[in-house]
Amino acid sequence: MAKFKFNPSALEQIGRQAVDGFNRQMQPVLDSLFDRYQGQPVDVVKTALAGEWRANNS
C-alpha cells in the first residue's frame, strides 16, 4: 500500500491560486457589465450576467 503525507498548507495555496485566477478572469467582465448595465432593471442585469458567466466559465 502506498503511503503519502498530506500538506494542508499546500492545499490552501492551490485554493488561493484558483480563486486569484478566477478573479483575474472575471473582474474585467464584471466591470464591463457594471459599466454597460448600470441603472438597468435587475432582470436585465441578471440575464446579461448569466450569459457572461456561461461564456467565461465553461
N, C-alpha and C. Protein backbone atom coordinates (compact mmCIF):
# COMPACT_ATOMS: atom_id res chain seq x y z
N MET A 1 0.84 -1.18 0.00
CA MET A 1 0.00 0.00 0.00
C MET A 1 0.89 1.24 0.00
N ALA A 2 0.53 2.19 -0.83
CA ALA A 2 1.30 3.42 -0.94
C ALA A 2 1.02 4.32 0.26
N LYS A 3 2.04 5.02 0.69
CA LYS A 3 1.90 5.97 1.79
C LYS A 3 2.25 7.36 1.26
N PHE A 4 1.50 8.34 1.70
CA PHE A 4 1.82 9.71 1.34
C PHE A 4 1.42 10.61 2.49
N LYS A 5 2.05 11.78 2.53
CA LYS A 5 1.73 12.78 3.54
C LYS A 5 0.94 13.90 2.90
N PHE A 6 -0.05 14.34 3.60
CA PHE A 6 -0.91 15.41 3.14
C PHE A 6 -0.40 16.72 3.72
N ASN A 7 -0.25 17.72 2.87
CA ASN A 7 0.24 19.03 3.30
C ASN A 7 -0.91 20.04 3.21
N PRO A 8 -1.57 20.34 4.33
CA PRO A 8 -2.71 21.26 4.30
C PRO A 8 -2.36 22.64 3.76
N SER A 9 -1.19 23.14 4.04
CA SER A 9 -0.84 24.48 3.57
C SER A 9 -0.69 24.50 2.04
N ALA A 10 -0.26 23.39 1.46
CA ALA A 10 -0.17 23.32 0.00
C ALA A 10 -1.57 23.37 -0.61
N LEU A 11 -2.51 22.69 0.00
CA LEU A 11 -3.88 22.71 -0.48
C LEU A 11 -4.47 24.12 -0.38
N GLU A 12 -4.20 24.81 0.70
CA GLU A 12 -4.66 26.19 0.86
C GLU A 12 -4.06 27.09 -0.22
N GLN A 13 -2.78 26.88 -0.52
CA GLN A 13 -2.11 27.68 -1.55
C GLN A 13 -2.74 27.42 -2.92
N ILE A 14 -3.03 26.18 -3.23
CA ILE A 14 -3.67 25.85 -4.51
C ILE A 14 -5.05 26.50 -4.57
N GLY A 15 -5.78 26.48 -3.48
CA GLY A 15 -7.09 27.12 -3.44
C GLY A 15 -6.99 28.62 -3.67
N ARG A 16 -6.02 29.25 -3.03
CA ARG A 16 -5.83 30.70 -3.22
C ARG A 16 -5.48 31.02 -4.67
N GLN A 17 -4.62 30.19 -5.28
CA GLN A 17 -4.24 30.41 -6.67
C GLN A 17 -5.45 30.27 -7.59
N ALA A 18 -6.31 29.30 -7.30
CA ALA A 18 -7.51 29.11 -8.11
C ALA A 18 -8.44 30.32 -8.00
N VAL A 19 -8.64 30.80 -6.79
CA VAL A 19 -9.50 31.98 -6.58
C VAL A 19 -8.89 33.21 -7.25
N ASP A 20 -7.59 33.39 -7.10
CA ASP A 20 -6.94 34.54 -7.72
C ASP A 20 -7.06 34.50 -9.25
N GLY A 21 -6.90 33.32 -9.83
CA GLY A 21 -7.04 33.17 -11.27
C GLY A 21 -8.45 33.47 -11.73
N PHE A 22 -9.42 32.97 -10.98
CA PHE A 22 -10.82 33.23 -11.30
C PHE A 22 -11.10 34.73 -11.23
N ASN A 23 -10.61 35.38 -10.19
CA ASN A 23 -10.82 36.82 -10.05
C ASN A 23 -10.18 37.61 -11.19
N ARG A 24 -8.96 37.21 -11.59
CA ARG A 24 -8.30 37.89 -12.71
C ARG A 24 -9.11 37.76 -13.99
N GLN A 25 -9.73 36.61 -14.19
CA GLN A 25 -10.52 36.38 -15.39
C GLN A 25 -11.85 37.13 -15.34
N MET A 26 -12.51 37.09 -14.21
CA MET A 26 -13.88 37.61 -14.15
C MET A 26 -13.99 39.09 -13.79
N GLN A 27 -13.02 39.67 -13.12
CA GLN A 27 -13.17 41.07 -12.71
C GLN A 27 -13.37 42.00 -13.89
N PRO A 28 -12.60 41.87 -14.97
CA PRO A 28 -12.86 42.74 -16.13
C PRO A 28 -14.25 42.53 -16.72
N VAL A 29 -14.73 41.30 -16.71
CA VAL A 29 -16.07 41.01 -17.22
C VAL A 29 -17.12 41.70 -16.35
N LEU A 30 -16.97 41.59 -15.04
CA LEU A 30 -17.92 42.21 -14.13
C LEU A 30 -17.85 43.74 -14.21
N ASP A 31 -16.66 44.28 -14.36
CA ASP A 31 -16.51 45.73 -14.51
C ASP A 31 -17.22 46.21 -15.78
N SER A 32 -17.07 45.45 -16.86
CA SER A 32 -17.73 45.81 -18.11
C SER A 32 -19.25 45.74 -17.98
N LEU A 33 -19.74 44.69 -17.33
CA LEU A 33 -21.18 44.58 -17.10
C LEU A 33 -21.69 45.76 -16.28
N PHE A 34 -20.95 46.14 -15.27
CA PHE A 34 -21.34 47.28 -14.44
C PHE A 34 -21.48 48.54 -15.30
N ASP A 35 -20.47 48.77 -16.13
CA ASP A 35 -20.49 49.97 -16.98
C ASP A 35 -21.66 49.94 -17.96
N ARG A 36 -21.92 48.79 -18.56
CA ARG A 36 -22.96 48.69 -19.59
C ARG A 36 -24.37 48.66 -19.04
N TYR A 37 -24.55 48.11 -17.84
CA TYR A 37 -25.91 47.88 -17.34
C TYR A 37 -26.27 48.70 -16.10
N GLN A 38 -25.42 49.63 -15.74
CA GLN A 38 -25.70 50.47 -14.58
C GLN A 38 -27.04 51.19 -14.78
N GLY A 39 -27.91 51.09 -13.79
CA GLY A 39 -29.21 51.74 -13.85
C GLY A 39 -30.30 50.94 -14.53
N GLN A 40 -29.94 49.76 -15.07
CA GLN A 40 -30.93 48.92 -15.74
C GLN A 40 -31.70 48.09 -14.70
N PRO A 41 -32.87 47.60 -15.08
CA PRO A 41 -33.63 46.75 -14.16
C PRO A 41 -32.87 45.46 -13.82
N VAL A 42 -33.11 44.96 -12.64
CA VAL A 42 -32.41 43.77 -12.14
C VAL A 42 -32.56 42.60 -13.10
N ASP A 43 -33.75 42.38 -13.64
CA ASP A 43 -33.95 41.25 -14.55
C ASP A 43 -33.06 41.35 -15.79
N VAL A 44 -32.84 42.54 -16.28
CA VAL A 44 -31.98 42.74 -17.45
C VAL A 44 -30.53 42.42 -17.08
N VAL A 45 -30.10 42.91 -15.92
CA VAL A 45 -28.74 42.67 -15.46
C VAL A 45 -28.51 41.18 -15.19
N LYS A 46 -29.48 40.53 -14.57
CA LYS A 46 -29.35 39.10 -14.26
C LYS A 46 -29.19 38.28 -15.54
N THR A 47 -29.94 38.62 -16.57
CA THR A 47 -29.85 37.90 -17.84
C THR A 47 -28.47 38.09 -18.46
N ALA A 48 -27.99 39.32 -18.46
CA ALA A 48 -26.67 39.62 -19.02
C ALA A 48 -25.58 38.92 -18.22
N LEU A 49 -25.69 38.95 -16.90
CA LEU A 49 -24.71 38.31 -16.04
C LEU A 49 -24.68 36.80 -16.28
N ALA A 50 -25.84 36.19 -16.40
CA ALA A 50 -25.90 34.74 -16.63
C ALA A 50 -25.22 34.40 -17.96
N GLY A 51 -25.45 35.21 -18.98
CA GLY A 51 -24.81 34.95 -20.27
C GLY A 51 -23.30 35.07 -20.21
N GLU A 52 -22.82 36.10 -19.54
CA GLU A 52 -21.37 36.28 -19.39
C GLU A 52 -20.76 35.15 -18.56
N TRP A 53 -21.47 34.75 -17.53
CA TRP A 53 -20.99 33.67 -16.66
C TRP A 53 -20.80 32.39 -17.46
N ARG A 54 -21.82 32.05 -18.28
CA ARG A 54 -21.73 30.85 -19.12
C ARG A 54 -20.58 30.97 -20.11
N ALA A 55 -20.44 32.12 -20.71
CA ALA A 55 -19.40 32.32 -21.73
C ALA A 55 -17.99 32.25 -21.16
N ASN A 56 -17.83 32.62 -19.91
CA ASN A 56 -16.48 32.72 -19.33
C ASN A 56 -16.13 31.59 -18.36
N ASN A 57 -17.04 30.71 -18.09
CA ASN A 57 -16.77 29.67 -17.08
C ASN A 57 -17.14 28.28 -17.55
N SER A 58 -17.06 28.05 -18.84
CA SER A 58 -17.37 26.71 -19.31
C SER A 58 -16.11 25.98 -19.71
